[in-house]
Amino acid sequence: MRVLITGGSGLLGRALAQDLGAAGYEVIVLSRNPDKVKDLPKGVRAVGWDARTAANWGVLADGAEAIVNLAGESIKGDGFLPSRWTSVRKQRILQSRLDAGAAVSEAVRQAPRKPKLVLQSSAVGYYGPRGDEAVTEDQAAGSDFLAGVCTAWEESTADVEKMGVRRVVLRTGLPLTMRGGAMPLLVLPFRLFAGNTFGSGQQYYPWIHIQDYVAALRFLLEDGKARGAFNISAPQPARNRDFARTLGRVLRRPVWLPTPAFAMRLAMGEVSTVVLDGQNAVPQHLQARGFKFGHPQLEPALRDLLQ
């Protein structure tokens, strides 16, 4: 049972690859620099690709169980702090996703025996800022930059459905793990006794423990009938204010006055929307199919990761 993962050397891809490899799958992570991909778990190997075409790797899609498309330039940037969205960065963020999707579609088209499934990554940013509105997978896309990127990202592999391949779209919330991503950035100020909230603190953060993220993807891979969009987030999204208070309680640190929204927009530019806006996204489709969360509540999830 072969599974190919584009972006498989990244934070989420490695976690998924490790789980699938341990379960007996043949896991292949696609990387532009496969020789630099070190410490892969047992059952996982790296294969080179150019992130734009099916050249050199497309043959591996023949008879594969699934292709998991996670590839795309980081929204946050490569540094510890978020990078501004210049017009050049915006284009790279979008184009990297379009190119990866085109490569996946090309590989499926060329495969004599089509893969059974394409798991297509996206994010809850698809919905745009939604305030307090409960957001299920049936809501329409938003109209801001992130929503546009997510819409194009999802559509980049839509053609595989016309080829008879089952497709699942993963609208992922904030993955909680101390191995990378946003969480170390959120935790550091609290460790330094400088933790606070952002803007009004009322904005929702749909979050998910890394173990539940991996479990949800494997669940959808093995379900056989799941298709369409799924919010990959815990059933109880947290407001930024409550997230900060819970984090402070777990770390036994105070929560100070909020950082004003205008100051964050001035310092960070448009990328500040990632922390100042949010969606009250709930995993309606995932729960309807019977998925059980191992970490459905925020405080126990944070304690598991931090203590």
Foldseek 3Di string as FASTA:
>chain_A
DEEEEEVLLDDLNQLLQQVVQVVPYQYEYEDCCQVPRPDRDHNYGYDYDPLAAQPPPLQVQAAHQEYEYPWFADCQHDDPGRAADDVVNLVRRQVSLLRNLLRVQRSQVPHPHGHQEYEFEAAPCLQPFDQPDEDELPHHGDDDSNNVSRVSSVVSNVCVVVVVHAYEYEHEFAEDAPPDDCNVVQLVCQVVLRAAFAAPLRAWGFYAYSVQLSVLVVCQSPVSPDHYYWYSGAQFIHRRHVLRVLSCVLVVHDYDYYDHNVVCCVVHPPSCCSRPGHHNYGGVVSVVSPDDGPPRDNNVSSNVRPD
